Structures are given as C-alpha cells and as structure tokens.
Amino acid sequence: AGLMCEGLMPVSSDAKGIYVINKKGEEVFTVNKKYFDSEVERMYPCSCGIFRAELIGDTWIYLNKDGELLFDREYSYATDFVGGFALVQEDNTKSYTSYTVIDTDGNEKATVHFDDDDDIVFSPSVKLIAGEKGDKFIIYNFDGEVVLECPGTVNGIYSLGKDWFIFKNEDSYYGTMDYHGAEILNSVFSQLVYTGNVLLAQRKGDDEWIVVLDEEDRKSV
C-alpha cells in the first residue's frame, strides 16, 4: 500500500494488480492497461490531483484522479507535482540533457540543462532548480534563466532556500551560500539540515546538533 494523499491511495494485490482506493476503502479505478506498450510497475501518492506512475522499463507517465493518462507523453525522468509544478525529461540525446518544468496542465514553463539527473535539486517553493553541467553546478529559476553558476568550491547542492542554499565542498563539508556565490556559513560542518525555519549543524567528530540559524527568531548563532 502507498500513502493516503488528497483522499486517495494507490495499492496493489496479486489478484487486481495496481488500483486506487478512497478513504472509505472503495475502489476508484484500476490500472490494468498498457501505456506506450508498457504496464505500470509502481504508482506514487497523489499530489496536486495527479499521480506519477512508473512503467516497466524505467519511464514515467502522469494519471489524473480518474486514472486517465495526462499530457499524452511518456518521460524518461519525472518528479511528483509540488506546488503545481513538476520537472520532466523527454529527450536525453543532447550533449547536455534538457529538463523541462511543466504545470498541472502540461504546459512547458522553462527548459534547463544538466548532465544527468543524479544531482538535481527541484524546489518549486522557491521556483529554483539546481544540478551539474560540465564541471560546475548551475542554479536556474523557473523562467529558465541562470541564477548562479556556482564557484568551483561547490561540489554538491542539497537544499535551495529563498536567500541561500546548502552546499558541499570538495572535502565533503557543508556550508551555506547566497545566490551571488558568497559563502554565508563557511563549509566547516559535517552535517547541515534545514527543517523549514531552523538550520541545524554538526561539526566533525561531534554528535551534538547545534542551531546555527533560527529564522523565526531572525537570528544566527
């Protein structure tokens, strides 16, 4: 069984295969047909009224709450919809792979370019996308514009906030940086975790978590 989201939950059984039930346990629809000559292997929780489904062969489709195929497209990469947006990939034959931001109607909002999907961070809440292209990490906005070509000290990006992001350096230490490329918190931490308004950190060799930023109190420690 999956998670109950928006009053619906994908489940599976040997007898029925994959199907969706409501809060009363009633069957809403069954996924028992092929899409693009492939069967659905896995379904993910409903988000923004849309299900993301994985087909056998590692491709993806979207279904509505009635189980109908959306956008008439099959994707080689696809995220869940969050805040009305998802990131997808249709064509991975280019030297730099193209990824497209779409809305819940399937409209294309922006195209961005990364080497692959291994390091992509997709943050609809701040309308930013980060990933690796060539030997650098690039951050785009939802207009497809480059917000920052990160300095060479950035070896990974893990969270995109409104004014700053968490990055990892070549020595695998974490810090924060603004969107002008200036370090805010020096990369001296073995862990950095953002909980929504509090930034927690651990130093190397120390199991204690410390608060380095509390946005509710508008203060840094």
Protein backbone atom coordinates (compact mmCIF):
# COMPACT_ATOMS: atom_id res chain seq x y z
CA ALA A 1 0.00 0.00 0.00
CA GLY A 2 1.04 3.60 -0.60
CA LEU A 3 0.18 6.79 1.25
CA MET A 4 -3.28 8.31 1.52
CA CYS A 5 -2.95 11.77 -0.07
CA GLU A 6 -5.78 14.02 -1.21
CA GLY A 7 -8.22 11.30 -0.16
CA LEU A 8 -6.73 8.65 -2.46
CA MET A 9 -4.18 5.85 -2.06
CA PRO A 10 -2.56 3.51 -4.60
CA VAL A 11 -2.49 -0.15 -3.52
CA SER A 12 -1.71 -3.45 -5.20
CA SER A 13 -2.68 -7.09 -4.98
CA ASP A 14 -1.89 -10.25 -6.90
CA ALA A 15 -5.50 -10.52 -7.97
CA LYS A 16 -6.15 -6.94 -9.11
CA GLY A 17 -2.72 -5.53 -9.77
CA ILE A 18 -2.43 -1.81 -9.03
CA TYR A 19 -5.56 0.14 -8.14
CA VAL A 20 -6.59 3.25 -6.21
CA ILE A 21 -8.91 3.43 -3.22
CA ASN A 22 -10.56 6.32 -1.38
CA LYS A 23 -10.78 6.94 2.38
CA LYS A 24 -13.70 4.51 2.65
CA GLY A 25 -11.64 1.76 1.07
CA GLU A 26 -13.72 1.88 -2.09
CA GLU A 27 -12.02 1.23 -5.41
CA VAL A 28 -11.82 4.37 -7.55
CA PHE A 29 -10.01 2.95 -10.58
CA THR A 30 -7.76 0.07 -11.60
CA VAL A 31 -4.55 0.45 -13.57
CA ASN A 32 -4.77 -2.66 -15.68
CA LYS A 33 -3.92 -1.50 -19.16
CA LYS A 34 -0.75 -0.68 -21.04
CA TYR A 35 0.54 2.81 -21.69
CA PHE A 36 3.01 3.25 -24.56
CA ASP A 37 3.17 -0.57 -24.79
CA SER A 38 4.29 -0.90 -21.14
CA GLU A 39 2.50 -1.84 -17.94
CA VAL A 40 2.53 0.27 -14.79
CA GLU A 41 5.05 -1.14 -12.32
CA ARG A 42 4.62 1.38 -9.48
CA MET A 43 2.40 4.32 -8.55
CA TYR A 44 3.22 7.18 -6.24
CA PRO A 45 0.91 9.18 -3.93
CA CYS A 46 -1.45 11.73 -5.43
CA SER A 47 -0.07 15.27 -5.47
CA CYS A 48 -1.80 18.34 -6.92
CA GLY A 49 -4.52 15.98 -8.15
CA ILE A 50 -2.05 13.95 -10.22
CA PHE A 51 -0.47 10.50 -9.84
CA ARG A 52 3.06 9.80 -11.04
CA ALA A 53 3.37 6.25 -12.36
CA GLU A 54 6.47 4.27 -13.29
CA LEU A 55 6.25 1.97 -16.29
CA ILE A 56 8.21 -1.22 -16.76
CA GLY A 57 11.38 -0.07 -18.50
CA ASP A 58 12.06 2.96 -16.26
CA THR A 59 9.84 5.51 -17.94
CA TRP A 60 7.13 7.63 -16.36
CA ILE A 61 3.62 8.90 -17.01
CA TYR A 62 1.06 11.02 -15.15
CA LEU A 63 -2.54 9.98 -14.44
CA ASN A 64 -5.45 12.06 -13.17
CA LYS A 65 -7.78 11.10 -10.31
CA ASP A 66 -9.88 9.03 -12.70
CA GLY A 67 -6.88 7.05 -13.93
CA GLU A 68 -6.76 8.81 -17.30
CA LEU A 69 -3.44 9.48 -18.99
CA LEU A 70 -2.39 13.12 -18.88
CA PHE A 71 -0.42 15.09 -21.47
CA ASP A 72 -0.19 12.07 -23.83
CA ARG A 73 3.50 11.79 -23.05
CA GLU A 74 6.00 9.30 -21.66
CA TYR A 75 9.01 10.67 -19.78
CA SER A 76 12.47 9.30 -19.10
CA TYR A 77 12.57 11.40 -15.91
CA ALA A 78 9.70 12.84 -13.89
CA THR A 79 9.12 14.24 -10.42
CA ASP A 80 5.92 14.44 -8.43
CA PHE A 81 3.98 17.67 -8.81
CA VAL A 82 4.73 20.07 -5.95
CA GLY A 83 3.13 23.47 -5.71
CA GLY A 84 1.66 22.97 -9.18
CA PHE A 85 4.93 22.13 -10.94
CA ALA A 86 6.98 19.09 -11.93
CA LEU A 87 10.32 18.56 -13.67
CA VAL A 88 10.40 16.15 -16.62
CA GLN A 89 12.68 14.93 -19.37
CA GLU A 90 11.58 13.78 -22.79
CA ASP A 91 14.81 13.78 -24.79
CA ASN A 92 18.15 12.71 -23.36
CA THR A 93 20.07 12.55 -26.63
CA LYS A 94 21.64 16.01 -26.38
CA SER A 95 25.18 16.62 -25.11
CA TYR A 96 23.66 18.41 -22.16
CA THR A 97 20.40 16.81 -21.19
CA SER A 98 17.31 19.00 -21.32
CA TYR A 99 14.79 19.06 -18.48
CA THR A 100 11.50 20.93 -18.61
CA VAL A 101 9.37 22.49 -15.89
CA ILE A 102 5.68 21.82 -16.56
CA ASP A 103 2.50 22.89 -14.78
CA THR A 104 -0.53 20.72 -13.98
CA ASP A 105 -1.96 21.32 -17.46
CA GLY A 106 1.25 20.04 -19.05
CA ASN A 107 2.29 23.50 -20.22
CA GLU A 108 6.05 23.96 -20.53
CA LYS A 109 7.29 26.80 -18.33
CA ALA A 110 11.08 26.58 -18.73
CA THR A 111 13.84 24.34 -20.04
CA VAL A 112 17.10 23.83 -18.16
CA HIS A 113 20.22 21.79 -18.92
CA PHE A 114 22.13 19.33 -16.76
CA ASP A 115 24.46 16.40 -17.47
CA ASP A 116 22.13 13.89 -15.78
CA ASP A 117 19.56 13.65 -13.03
CA ASP A 118 21.87 12.37 -10.27
CA ASP A 119 22.39 15.76 -8.61
CA ILE A 120 19.19 17.64 -9.47
CA VAL A 121 17.50 19.61 -6.68
CA PHE A 122 13.99 20.73 -7.66
CA SER A 123 12.43 23.33 -5.33
CA PRO A 124 9.05 24.64 -6.52
CA SER A 125 8.52 26.54 -3.25
CA VAL A 126 11.24 29.00 -4.29
CA LYS A 127 10.97 28.24 -8.03
CA LEU A 128 14.60 27.18 -8.37
CA ILE A 129 16.34 24.14 -9.86
CA ALA A 130 19.97 23.10 -9.35
CA GLY A 131 22.17 20.48 -10.98
CA GLU A 132 25.54 19.77 -12.52
CA LYS A 133 26.54 20.82 -16.02
CA GLY A 134 30.08 20.22 -17.16
CA ASP A 135 32.27 20.67 -14.11
CA LYS A 136 30.05 23.20 -12.34
CA PHE A 137 26.76 23.35 -10.50
CA ILE A 138 24.17 25.65 -12.05
CA ILE A 139 21.06 27.14 -10.45
CA TYR A 140 18.16 28.16 -12.71
CA ASN A 141 14.87 29.92 -11.99
CA PHE A 142 11.52 28.84 -13.43
CA ASP A 143 11.99 31.23 -16.36
CA GLY A 144 14.96 29.11 -17.46
CA GLU A 145 17.41 31.87 -16.52
CA VAL A 146 20.73 31.10 -14.83
CA VAL A 147 20.59 32.49 -11.29
CA LEU A 148 24.09 31.36 -10.36
CA GLU A 149 26.95 29.46 -11.93
CA CYS A 150 28.43 28.20 -8.69
CA PRO A 151 32.10 28.68 -7.86
CA GLY A 152 34.39 25.66 -8.08
CA THR A 153 34.24 25.18 -4.32
CA VAL A 154 30.69 23.82 -4.69
CA ASN A 155 30.72 20.05 -5.12
CA GLY A 156 27.04 19.42 -4.41
CA ILE A 157 23.80 21.23 -3.57
CA TYR A 158 21.32 19.82 -1.05
CA SER A 159 18.67 22.42 -0.26
CA LEU A 160 17.52 25.58 -2.02
CA GLY A 161 16.10 28.33 0.16
CA LYS A 162 14.75 31.78 -0.58
CA ASP A 163 18.02 33.64 0.03
CA TRP A 164 20.62 30.88 0.36
CA PHE A 165 21.33 27.21 -0.30
CA ILE A 166 23.21 24.38 1.40
CA PHE A 167 26.29 23.20 -0.47
CA LYS A 168 29.06 20.64 -0.02
CA ASN A 169 32.72 21.36 -0.80
CA GLU A 170 35.34 19.02 -2.24
CA ASP A 171 36.24 17.80 1.26
CA SER A 172 32.59 16.86 1.94
CA TYR A 173 31.99 19.64 4.43
CA TYR A 174 28.79 21.65 4.32
CA GLY A 175 28.08 25.37 4.38
CA THR A 176 25.58 27.88 3.02
CA MET A 177 25.95 30.29 0.12
CA ASP A 178 23.85 33.14 -1.25
CA TYR A 179 22.77 33.49 -4.87
CA HIS A 180 25.68 35.80 -5.62
CA GLY A 181 28.15 33.00 -4.82
CA ALA A 182 29.28 34.33 -1.43
CA GLU A 183 29.59 31.91 1.48
CA ILE A 184 27.36 32.78 4.43
CA LEU A 185 28.24 29.88 6.70
CA ASN A 186 31.73 28.59 5.97
CA SER A 187 31.85 24.96 4.84
CA VAL A 188 33.14 23.51 8.12
CA PHE A 189 30.19 21.31 9.12
CA SER A 190 29.90 17.53 8.72
CA GLN A 191 26.09 17.87 8.52
CA LEU A 192 23.65 20.69 7.78
CA VAL A 193 19.88 20.11 7.90
CA TYR A 194 17.20 22.71 7.19
CA THR A 195 13.86 21.97 8.88
CA GLY A 196 11.82 24.79 7.35
CA ASN A 197 12.79 27.61 9.68
CA VAL A 198 15.72 26.20 11.67
CA LEU A 199 19.15 25.24 10.32
CA LEU A 200 20.83 22.50 12.36
CA ALA A 201 24.50 21.59 12.13
CA GLN A 202 27.03 19.05 13.34
CA ARG A 203 30.75 19.63 13.48
CA LYS A 204 33.24 16.89 12.59
CA GLY A 205 33.72 14.44 15.44
CA ASP A 206 30.82 15.89 17.44
CA ASP A 207 27.45 14.13 17.66
CA GLU A 208 25.72 17.17 19.14
CA TRP A 209 23.39 19.13 16.89
CA ILE A 210 23.57 22.91 17.18
CA VAL A 211 21.22 25.59 15.89
CA VAL A 212 23.11 27.87 13.51
CA LEU A 213 20.09 29.75 12.16
CA ASP A 214 16.61 30.31 13.59
CA GLU A 215 14.52 32.21 11.07
CA GLU A 216 11.55 32.53 13.44
CA ASP A 217 13.73 34.49 15.89
CA ARG A 218 15.58 36.12 12.98
CA LYS A 219 18.97 35.27 14.41
CA SER A 220 22.09 33.33 13.59
CA VAL A 221 24.21 31.57 16.21
